[in-house]
C-alpha atoms as a PDB file:
ATOM      1  CA  MET A   1       6.398 -26.972 -27.034  1.00  0.00           C
ATOM      2  CA  ASN A   2       5.200 -25.904 -30.497  1.00  0.00           C
ATOM      3  CA  ASN A   3       6.473 -22.747 -32.155  1.00  0.00           C
ATOM      4  CA  SER A   4       3.373 -20.694 -31.317  1.00  0.00           C
ATOM      5  CA  THR A   5       3.478 -21.695 -27.637  1.00  0.00           C
ATOM      6  CA  ARG A   6       7.197 -21.047 -27.503  1.00  0.00           C
ATOM      7  CA  ARG A   7       6.792 -17.566 -29.009  1.00  0.00           C
ATOM      8  CA  ASP A   8       4.049 -16.757 -26.487  1.00  0.00           C
ATOM      9  CA  PHE A   9       6.223 -18.008 -23.642  1.00  0.00           C
ATOM     10  CA  LEU A  10       9.179 -15.921 -24.772  1.00  0.00           C
ATOM     11  CA  ARG A  11       7.007 -12.842 -25.276  1.00  0.00           C
ATOM     12  CA  LYS A  12       5.584 -13.055 -21.774  1.00  0.00           C
ATOM     13  CA  GLY A  13       9.041 -13.632 -20.373  1.00  0.00           C
ATOM     14  CA  ALA A  14      10.359 -10.575 -22.177  1.00  0.00           C
ATOM     15  CA  VAL A  15       7.524  -8.423 -20.833  1.00  0.00           C
ATOM     16  CA  ALA A  16       8.174  -9.677 -17.307  1.00  0.00           C
ATOM     17  CA  ALA A  17      11.889  -8.968 -17.592  1.00  0.00           C
ATOM     18  CA  ALA A  18      11.280  -5.484 -18.946  1.00  0.00           C
ATOM     19  CA  GLY A  19       8.791  -4.819 -16.169  1.00  0.00           C
ATOM     20  CA  ALA A  20      11.259  -5.898 -13.506  1.00  0.00           C
ATOM     21  CA  LEU A  21      13.885  -3.541 -14.881  1.00  0.00           C
ATOM     22  CA  LEU A  22      11.455  -0.638 -15.102  1.00  0.00           C
ATOM     23  CA  ILE A  23       9.866  -0.886 -11.662  1.00  0.00           C
ATOM     24  CA  PRO A  24      12.488   1.164  -9.762  1.00  0.00           C
ATOM     25  CA  GLU A  25      12.346   3.862 -12.433  1.00  0.00           C
ATOM     26  CA  ILE A  26       8.534   3.942 -12.389  1.00  0.00           C
ATOM     27  CA  ALA A  27       8.548   4.288  -8.596  1.00  0.00           C
ATOM     28  CA  LYS A  28      11.141   7.040  -8.626  1.00  0.00           C
ATOM     29  CA  ALA A  29       9.300   9.009 -11.304  1.00  0.00           C
ATOM     30  CA  ALA A  30       5.929   8.615  -9.555  1.00  0.00           C
ATOM     31  CA  VAL A  31       7.256   9.979  -6.278  1.00  0.00           C
ATOM     32  CA  ALA A  32       9.069  12.820  -8.042  1.00  0.00           C
ATOM     33  CA  SER A  33       5.887  13.772  -9.912  1.00  0.00           C
ATOM     34  CA  GLU A  34       3.894  14.387  -6.718  1.00  0.00           C
ATOM     35  CA  PRO A  35       4.512  17.569  -4.706  1.00  0.00           C
ATOM     36  CA  ARG A  36       5.259  16.675  -1.099  1.00  0.00           C
ATOM     37  CA  VAL A  37       2.428  17.372   1.300  1.00  0.00           C
ATOM     38  CA  GLY A  38       3.776  15.930   4.556  1.00  0.00           C
ATOM     39  CA  ALA A  39       6.997  14.497   5.917  1.00  0.00           C
ATOM     40  CA  ALA A  40       9.937  14.155   3.577  1.00  0.00           C
ATOM     41  CA  LYS A  41      11.252  10.845   4.886  1.00  0.00           C
ATOM     42  CA  ILE A  42      11.192   8.231   7.618  1.00  0.00           C
ATOM     43  CA  THR A  43      14.033   7.796  10.098  1.00  0.00           C
ATOM     44  CA  LEU A  44      14.743   4.340  11.467  1.00  0.00           C
ATOM     45  CA  GLN A  45      16.222   4.023  14.941  1.00  0.00           C
ATOM     46  CA  LYS A  46      17.741   0.831  16.316  1.00  0.00           C
ATOM     47  CA  GLU A  47      15.092  -1.764  17.212  1.00  0.00           C
ATOM     48  CA  ALA A  48      12.378   0.355  15.606  1.00  0.00           C
ATOM     49  CA  VAL A  49       8.948  -1.241  15.282  1.00  0.00           C
ATOM     50  CA  LEU A  50       7.303  -0.869  11.862  1.00  0.00           C
ATOM     51  CA  LEU A  51       3.618  -1.755  11.567  1.00  0.00           C
ATOM     52  CA  MET A  52       1.792  -2.203   8.265  1.00  0.00           C
ATOM     53  CA  GLN A  53      -1.983  -1.671   8.417  1.00  0.00           C
ATOM     54  CA  GLY A  54      -4.789  -1.857   5.912  1.00  0.00           C
ATOM     55  CA  ASP A  55      -7.144  -4.153   4.034  1.00  0.00           C
ATOM     56  CA  SER A  56      -6.633  -7.195   1.788  1.00  0.00           C
ATOM     57  CA  ILE A  57      -3.890  -5.499  -0.219  1.00  0.00           C
ATOM     58  CA  THR A  58      -1.844  -5.331   2.969  1.00  0.00           C
ATOM     59  CA  ASP A  59      -3.178  -8.581   4.456  1.00  0.00           C
ATOM     60  CA  ALA A  60      -2.077 -10.542   1.362  1.00  0.00           C
ATOM     61  CA  GLY A  61      -2.768 -13.955   2.849  1.00  0.00           C
ATOM     62  CA  ARG A  62      -0.813 -13.516   6.066  1.00  0.00           C
ATOM     63  CA  LYS A  63      -1.200 -16.266   8.678  1.00  0.00           C
ATOM     64  CA  ARG A  64      -2.832 -14.600  11.643  1.00  0.00           C
ATOM     65  CA  GLU A  65      -1.758 -17.287  14.077  1.00  0.00           C
ATOM     66  CA  ASP A  66       1.867 -16.241  13.530  1.00  0.00           C
ATOM     67  CA  THR A  67       2.493 -13.370  15.930  1.00  0.00           C
ATOM     68  CA  ASN A  68       6.239 -13.137  15.425  1.00  0.00           C
ATOM     69  CA  CYS A  69       7.895 -10.214  13.686  1.00  0.00           C
ATOM     70  CA  ASN A  70       9.822 -10.483  10.422  1.00  0.00           C
ATOM     71  CA  THR A  71       8.476 -13.868   9.290  1.00  0.00           C
ATOM     72  CA  GLN A  72       7.033 -14.530   5.854  1.00  0.00           C
ATOM     73  CA  ASP A  73       3.947 -16.199   7.283  1.00  0.00           C
ATOM     74  CA  GLN A  74       3.178 -13.187   9.462  1.00  0.00           C
ATOM     75  CA  LEU A  75       3.961 -10.637   6.753  1.00  0.00           C
ATOM     76  CA  GLY A  76       1.936 -12.317   4.016  1.00  0.00           C
ATOM     77  CA  ASN A  77       2.767 -12.372   0.313  1.00  0.00           C
ATOM     78  CA  GLY A  78       2.153  -8.743  -0.578  1.00  0.00           C
ATOM     79  CA  TYR A  79       4.001  -5.460  -0.678  1.00  0.00           C
ATOM     80  CA  SER A  80       4.649  -5.608   3.085  1.00  0.00           C
ATOM     81  CA  LEU A  81       6.839  -8.667   2.575  1.00  0.00           C
ATOM     82  CA  PHE A  82       8.790  -6.956  -0.211  1.00  0.00           C
ATOM     83  CA  ILE A  83       9.319  -3.865   1.944  1.00  0.00           C
ATOM     84  CA  ALA A  84      10.360  -5.925   4.949  1.00  0.00           C
ATOM     85  CA  ALA A  85      12.825  -7.994   2.941  1.00  0.00           C
ATOM     86  CA  GLN A  86      14.615  -4.912   1.658  1.00  0.00           C
ATOM     87  CA  LEU A  87      14.628  -3.110   5.005  1.00  0.00           C
ATOM     88  CA  LEU A  88      15.836  -6.138   6.936  1.00  0.00           C
ATOM     89  CA  ALA A  89      18.570  -6.794   4.391  1.00  0.00           C
ATOM     90  CA  GLY A  90      19.668  -3.160   4.180  1.00  0.00           C
ATOM     91  CA  HIS A  91      19.479  -2.347   7.887  1.00  0.00           C
ATOM     92  CA  ALA A  92      20.586  -5.535   9.596  1.00  0.00           C
ATOM     93  CA  ASP A  93      22.422  -3.515  12.243  1.00  0.00           C
ATOM     94  CA  LYS A  94      19.188  -1.869  13.379  1.00  0.00           C
ATOM     95  CA  GLN A  95      17.403  -5.112  14.342  1.00  0.00           C
ATOM     96  CA  LEU A  96      14.068  -3.860  13.051  1.00  0.00           C
ATOM     97  CA  LYS A  97      10.788  -5.484  14.055  1.00  0.00           C
ATOM     98  CA  ILE A  98       8.250  -5.475  11.226  1.00  0.00           C
ATOM     99  CA  TYR A  99       4.631  -6.538  11.614  1.00  0.00           C
ATOM    100  CA  ASN A 100       1.626  -6.795   9.313  1.00  0.00           C
ATOM    101  CA  ARG A 101      -1.885  -6.460  10.722  1.00  0.00           C
ATOM    102  CA  GLY A 102      -3.874  -5.808   7.562  1.00  0.00           C
ATOM    103  CA  ILE A 103      -7.264  -7.529   7.376  1.00  0.00           C
ATOM    104  CA  SER A 104      -9.096  -8.276   4.159  1.00  0.00           C
ATOM    105  CA  GLY A 105     -12.257  -6.287   3.553  1.00  0.00           C
ATOM    106  CA  ASN A 106     -11.515  -3.570   6.083  1.00  0.00           C
ATOM    107  CA  LYS A 107     -12.722  -0.006   5.832  1.00  0.00           C
ATOM    108  CA  VAL A 108     -11.539   2.828   8.082  1.00  0.00           C
ATOM    109  CA  TYR A 109     -14.117   2.264  10.815  1.00  0.00           C
ATOM    110  CA  GLN A 110     -13.054  -1.389  11.031  1.00  0.00           C
ATOM    111  CA  LEU A 111      -9.457  -0.337  11.618  1.00  0.00           C
ATOM    112  CA  ARG A 112     -10.703   1.784  14.513  1.00  0.00           C
ATOM    113  CA  ASP A 113     -12.648  -1.136  15.971  1.00  0.00           C
ATOM    114  CA  ARG A 114      -9.421  -3.130  16.383  1.00  0.00           C
ATOM    115  CA  TRP A 115      -6.928  -0.302  16.842  1.00  0.00           C
ATOM    116  CA  GLU A 116      -6.118  -0.915  20.517  1.00  0.00           C
ATOM    117  CA  ILE A 117      -4.996  -4.486  19.903  1.00  0.00           C
ATOM    118  CA  ASP A 118      -3.771  -4.334  16.315  1.00  0.00           C
ATOM    119  CA  CYS A 119      -1.959  -0.991  16.472  1.00  0.00           C
ATOM    120  CA  LEU A 120      -1.480   0.752  19.797  1.00  0.00           C
ATOM    121  CA  ALA A 121      -0.371  -2.405  21.602  1.00  0.00           C
ATOM    122  CA  PHE A 122       2.632  -2.612  19.262  1.00  0.00           C
ATOM    123  CA  HIS A 123       3.823   0.908  20.139  1.00  0.00           C
ATOM    124  CA  PRO A 124       5.017   1.344  16.549  1.00  0.00           C
ATOM    125  CA  ASP A 125       7.746   3.826  15.739  1.00  0.00           C
ATOM    126  CA  VAL A 126       6.591   3.788  12.119  1.00  0.00           C
ATOM    127  CA  LEU A 127       2.954   3.186  11.189  1.00  0.00           C
ATOM    128  CA  SER A 128       2.053   2.655   7.534  1.00  0.00           C
ATOM    129  CA  ILE A 129      -1.631   2.703   6.565  1.00  0.00           C
ATOM    130  CA  LEU A 130      -3.206   1.863   3.222  1.00  0.00           C
ATOM    131  CA  ILE A 131      -7.002   2.072   3.418  1.00  0.00           C
ATOM    132  CA  GLY A 132      -9.798   3.394   1.243  1.00  0.00           C
ATOM    133  CA  VAL A 133     -10.536   1.150  -1.714  1.00  0.00           C
ATOM    134  CA  ASN A 134     -13.200  -0.783   0.205  1.00  0.00           C
ATOM    135  CA  ASP A 135     -14.663   2.438   1.579  1.00  0.00           C
ATOM    136  CA  TYR A 136     -15.697   3.144  -2.003  1.00  0.00           C
ATOM    137  CA  TRP A 137     -15.882  -0.309  -3.631  1.00  0.00           C
ATOM    138  CA  HIS A 138     -18.328  -1.650  -1.060  1.00  0.00           C
ATOM    139  CA  THR A 139     -20.757   1.155  -1.870  1.00  0.00           C
ATOM    140  CA  LEU A 140     -21.067  -0.217  -5.413  1.00  0.00           C
ATOM    141  CA  GLY A 141     -22.543  -3.549  -4.419  1.00  0.00           C
ATOM    142  CA  GLY A 142     -21.583  -4.490  -0.899  1.00  0.00           C
ATOM    143  CA  GLY A 143     -24.403  -2.664   0.846  1.00  0.00           C
ATOM    144  CA  TYR A 144     -22.111  -0.162   2.526  1.00  0.00           C
ATOM    145  CA  LYS A 145     -23.651   3.305   2.832  1.00  0.00           C
ATOM    146  CA  GLY A 146     -20.579   5.343   3.658  1.00  0.00           C
ATOM    147  CA  THR A 147     -19.608   8.404   1.646  1.00  0.00           C
ATOM    148  CA  VAL A 148     -16.348  10.182   0.954  1.00  0.00           C
ATOM    149  CA  GLU A 149     -17.221  12.450   3.884  1.00  0.00           C
ATOM    150  CA  THR A 150     -17.562   9.346   6.074  1.00  0.00           C
ATOM    151  CA  TYR A 151     -14.150   8.192   4.897  1.00  0.00           C
ATOM    152  CA  GLU A 152     -12.564  11.556   5.593  1.00  0.00           C
ATOM    153  CA  ASN A 153     -14.119  12.001   9.025  1.00  0.00           C
ATOM    154  CA  ASP A 154     -13.368   8.436  10.133  1.00  0.00           C
ATOM    155  CA  TYR A 155      -9.797   8.588   8.836  1.00  0.00           C
ATOM    156  CA  ARG A 156      -9.062  11.974  10.408  1.00  0.00           C
ATOM    157  CA  SER A 157     -10.473  10.789  13.727  1.00  0.00           C
ATOM    158  CA  LEU A 158      -8.365   7.620  13.597  1.00  0.00           C
ATOM    159  CA  LEU A 159      -5.175   9.548  12.853  1.00  0.00           C
ATOM    160  CA  GLN A 160      -5.852  12.122  15.557  1.00  0.00           C
ATOM    161  CA  TYR A 161      -6.522   9.378  18.095  1.00  0.00           C
ATOM    162  CA  THR A 162      -3.317   7.634  17.058  1.00  0.00           C
ATOM    163  CA  LYS A 163      -1.224  10.776  17.418  1.00  0.00           C
ATOM    164  CA  ASN A 164      -2.746  11.475  20.824  1.00  0.00           C
ATOM    165  CA  LYS A 165      -1.759   8.013  22.003  1.00  0.00           C
ATOM    166  CA  LEU A 166       1.542   7.798  20.096  1.00  0.00           C
ATOM    167  CA  PRO A 167       2.751  11.396  19.721  1.00  0.00           C
ATOM    168  CA  ASN A 168       6.140  10.390  18.312  1.00  0.00           C
ATOM    169  CA  VAL A 169       4.930   7.867  15.744  1.00  0.00           C
ATOM    170  CA  GLN A 170       6.063   8.464  12.171  1.00  0.00           C
ATOM    171  CA  LEU A 171       3.142   8.047   9.796  1.00  0.00           C
ATOM    172  CA  VAL A 172       3.085   6.763   6.232  1.00  0.00           C
ATOM    173  CA  ILE A 173      -0.198   7.131   4.331  1.00  0.00           C
ATOM    174  CA  GLY A 174      -0.580   5.078   1.182  1.00  0.00           C
ATOM    175  CA  GLU A 175      -2.803   6.453  -1.554  1.00  0.00           C
ATOM    176  CA  PRO A 176      -5.824   4.290  -2.395  1.00  0.00           C
ATOM    177  CA  PHE A 177      -5.503   3.237  -6.023  1.00  0.00           C
ATOM    178  CA  ILE A 178      -7.047   1.271  -8.859  1.00  0.00           C
ATOM    179  CA  VAL A 179      -5.477  -0.328 -11.903  1.00  0.00           C
ATOM    180  CA  LYS A 180      -7.605   0.874 -14.775  1.00  0.00           C
ATOM    181  CA  GLY A 181      -8.644  -1.964 -17.064  1.00  0.00           C
ATOM    182  CA  GLY A 182      -8.881  -4.553 -14.291  1.00  0.00           C
ATOM    183  CA  SER A 183     -11.898  -6.840 -14.353  1.00  0.00           C
ATOM    184  CA  ALA A 184     -13.557  -5.184 -11.325  1.00  0.00           C
ATOM    185  CA  ILE A 185     -12.996  -1.639 -12.538  1.00  0.00           C
ATOM    186  CA  GLU A 186     -15.888  -0.247 -14.531  1.00  0.00           C
ATOM    187  CA  GLU A 187     -14.483   3.213 -14.989  1.00  0.00           C
ATOM    188  CA  HIS A 188     -17.864   4.931 -15.373  1.00  0.00           C
ATOM    189  CA  ARG A 189     -18.780   3.638 -11.889  1.00  0.00           C
ATOM    190  CA  TRP A 190     -15.408   4.270 -10.238  1.00  0.00           C
ATOM    191  CA  LEU A 191     -14.426   7.598 -11.719  1.00  0.00           C
ATOM    192  CA  PRO A 192     -14.372  10.423 -10.945  1.00  0.00           C
ATOM    193  CA  MET A 193     -15.831   9.595  -7.514  1.00  0.00           C
ATOM    194  CA  PHE A 194     -12.952   7.388  -6.393  1.00  0.00           C
ATOM    195  CA  ASP A 195     -10.531  10.236  -7.085  1.00  0.00           C
ATOM    196  CA  GLU A 196     -12.104  12.061  -4.137  1.00  0.00           C
ATOM    197  CA  TYR A 197     -10.976   9.300  -1.791  1.00  0.00           C
ATOM    198  CA  ARG A 198      -7.455   9.625  -3.130  1.00  0.00           C
ATOM    199  CA  LYS A 199      -7.552  13.365  -2.502  1.00  0.00           C
ATOM    200  CA  VAL A 200      -8.666  12.795   1.094  1.00  0.00           C
ATOM    201  CA  ALA A 201      -5.705  10.517   1.783  1.00  0.00           C
ATOM    202  CA  LYS A 202      -3.316  13.107   0.389  1.00  0.00           C
ATOM    203  CA  THR A 203      -4.926  15.928   2.367  1.00  0.00           C
ATOM    204  CA  LEU A 204      -4.665  13.944   5.588  1.00  0.00           C
ATOM    205  CA  ALA A 205      -1.025  13.149   4.917  1.00  0.00           C
ATOM    206  CA  GLY A 206      -0.407  16.882   4.877  1.00  0.00           C
ATOM    207  CA  GLU A 207      -2.451  17.514   8.017  1.00  0.00           C
ATOM    208  CA  PHE A 208      -0.655  14.849  10.030  1.00  0.00           C
ATOM    209  CA  ASN A 209       2.832  15.346   8.588  1.00  0.00           C
ATOM    210  CA  ALA A 210       2.838  11.840   7.156  1.00  0.00           C
ATOM    211  CA  VAL A 211       4.857  10.541   4.245  1.00  0.00           C
ATOM    212  CA  PHE A 212       2.465  10.194   1.303  1.00  0.00           C
ATOM    213  CA  VAL A 213       2.929   7.240  -1.070  1.00  0.00           C
ATOM    214  CA  PRO A 214       1.527   8.063  -4.554  1.00  0.00           C
ATOM    215  CA  TYR A 215       0.447   4.616  -5.677  1.00  0.00           C
ATOM    216  CA  GLN A 216      -1.972   5.859  -8.341  1.00  0.00           C
ATOM    217  CA  ALA A 217       0.748   7.746 -10.183  1.00  0.00           C
ATOM    218  CA  ALA A 218       2.905   4.620 -10.077  1.00  0.00           C
ATOM    219  CA  PHE A 219       0.195   2.390 -11.528  1.00  0.00           C
ATOM    220  CA  ASP A 220      -0.851   4.912 -14.160  1.00  0.00           C
ATOM    221  CA  ALA A 221       2.753   4.988 -15.345  1.00  0.00           C
ATOM    222  CA  ALA A 222       3.053   1.204 -15.115  1.00  0.00           C
ATOM    223  CA  LEU A 223       0.103   0.774 -17.481  1.00  0.00           C
ATOM    224  CA  LYS A 224       2.163   2.455 -20.186  1.00  0.00           C
ATOM    225  CA  LYS A 225       4.647  -0.418 -19.929  1.00  0.00           C
ATOM    226  CA  ALA A 226       2.340  -3.434 -19.630  1.00  0.00           C
ATOM    227  CA  SER A 227      -1.388  -4.155 -19.583  1.00  0.00           C
ATOM    228  CA  ALA A 228      -3.636  -4.092 -16.535  1.00  0.00           C
ATOM    229  CA  ARG A 229      -3.659  -7.897 -16.402  1.00  0.00           C
ATOM    230  CA  TYR A 230       0.098  -7.921 -15.910  1.00  0.00           C
ATOM    231  CA  TRP A 231      -0.225  -5.774 -12.783  1.00  0.00           C
ATOM    232  CA  SER A 232      -3.585  -6.800 -11.312  1.00  0.00           C
ATOM    233  CA  HIS A 233      -6.206  -9.340 -12.380  1.00  0.00           C
ATOM    234  CA  ASP A 234      -9.118  -7.316 -11.000  1.00  0.00           C
ATOM    235  CA  GLY A 235      -7.646  -3.828 -10.826  1.00  0.00           C
ATOM    236  CA  VAL A 236      -7.745  -3.795  -7.020  1.00  0.00           C
ATOM    237  CA  HIS A 237      -5.502  -6.605  -5.796  1.00  0.00           C
ATOM    238  CA  PRO A 238      -1.914  -6.415  -7.049  1.00  0.00           C
ATOM    239  CA  ASP A 239      -0.251  -9.377  -8.711  1.00  0.00           C
ATOM    240  CA  LEU A 240       3.421 -10.198  -8.192  1.00  0.00           C
ATOM    241  CA  PRO A 241       5.126  -7.412 -10.184  1.00  0.00           C
ATOM    242  CA  ALA A 242       2.636  -4.883  -8.792  1.00  0.00           C
ATOM    243  CA  ARG A 243       3.540  -5.876  -5.245  1.00  0.00           C
ATOM    244  CA  GLN A 244       7.143  -5.070  -6.034  1.00  0.00           C
ATOM    245  CA  LEU A 245       6.051  -1.794  -7.616  1.00  0.00           C
ATOM    246  CA  MET A 246       4.166  -0.894  -4.452  1.00  0.00           C
ATOM    247  CA  ALA A 247       7.151  -1.741  -2.287  1.00  0.00           C
ATOM    248  CA  SER A 248       9.523   0.242  -4.489  1.00  0.00           C
ATOM    249  CA  THR A 249       7.185   3.252  -4.433  1.00  0.00           C
ATOM    250  CA  TRP A 250       6.849   3.030  -0.637  1.00  0.00           C
ATOM    251  CA  LEU A 251      10.608   2.813  -0.168  1.00  0.00           C
ATOM    252  CA  GLU A 252      11.196   5.693  -2.583  1.00  0.00           C
ATOM    253  CA  ALA A 253       8.606   7.903  -0.882  1.00  0.00           C
ATOM    254  CA  THR A 254       9.922   7.201   2.624  1.00  0.00           C
ATOM    255  CA  GLY A 255      13.546   7.692   1.626  1.00  0.00           C
ATOM    256  CA  LEU A 256      14.367   4.142   2.743  1.00  0.00           C
ATOM    257  CA  ASN A 257      15.297   2.828  -0.687  1.00  0.00           C
ATOM    258  CA  LYS A 258      19.006   3.188   0.002  1.00  0.00           C
END
């Protein structure tokens, strides 16, 4: 390894180490910066079922043939795995059952199309949903004609249907987010329109007494510590440290970070 390569290697290693140390603080500050709009925390009972739902960010390469709870193959390699690992380690006495049923490319109406099998059949005690980036992104070049009003109406209908079927379910609504500077994020095309989708998610969290997870605040703060490429290659799909940031923000928002 020549001196230049070695310096580059050490620099990247130092950035990674600093990022790892800062992630819990970024998550804590992001949650503290957002006024609460719904539930203050999640309560876990013994043998509680936790279901993670969403698009590719949640899917994260999970193996769909694995139908068991709590396995890495079934959970995928994203933030759901990081959340599950911490919850299972910290609450071993509760014998939690954690599932991931995110599917890449999904928009809200596609969640609804599979909701009976991929949500209601699990009878989740805690249901975490992260959806919305495709509801906007696919209008930019994917041929999708939905609007922010479509997103809001579909999402509200899905949540109301869920609460009618599962009146005691505890909801967690993740904020759709982008990492500004990512290769897929042309800010003049994304903003300010995408902000309206974020606002919808927050409004619905208040309406349905859900815990709201402020991912955008977390990533905006994270960009002050390292570049977009460190967190996400395209600004939509999180890379390794960003997956931990998402998990830390989720755990902080739900009060399950203890």
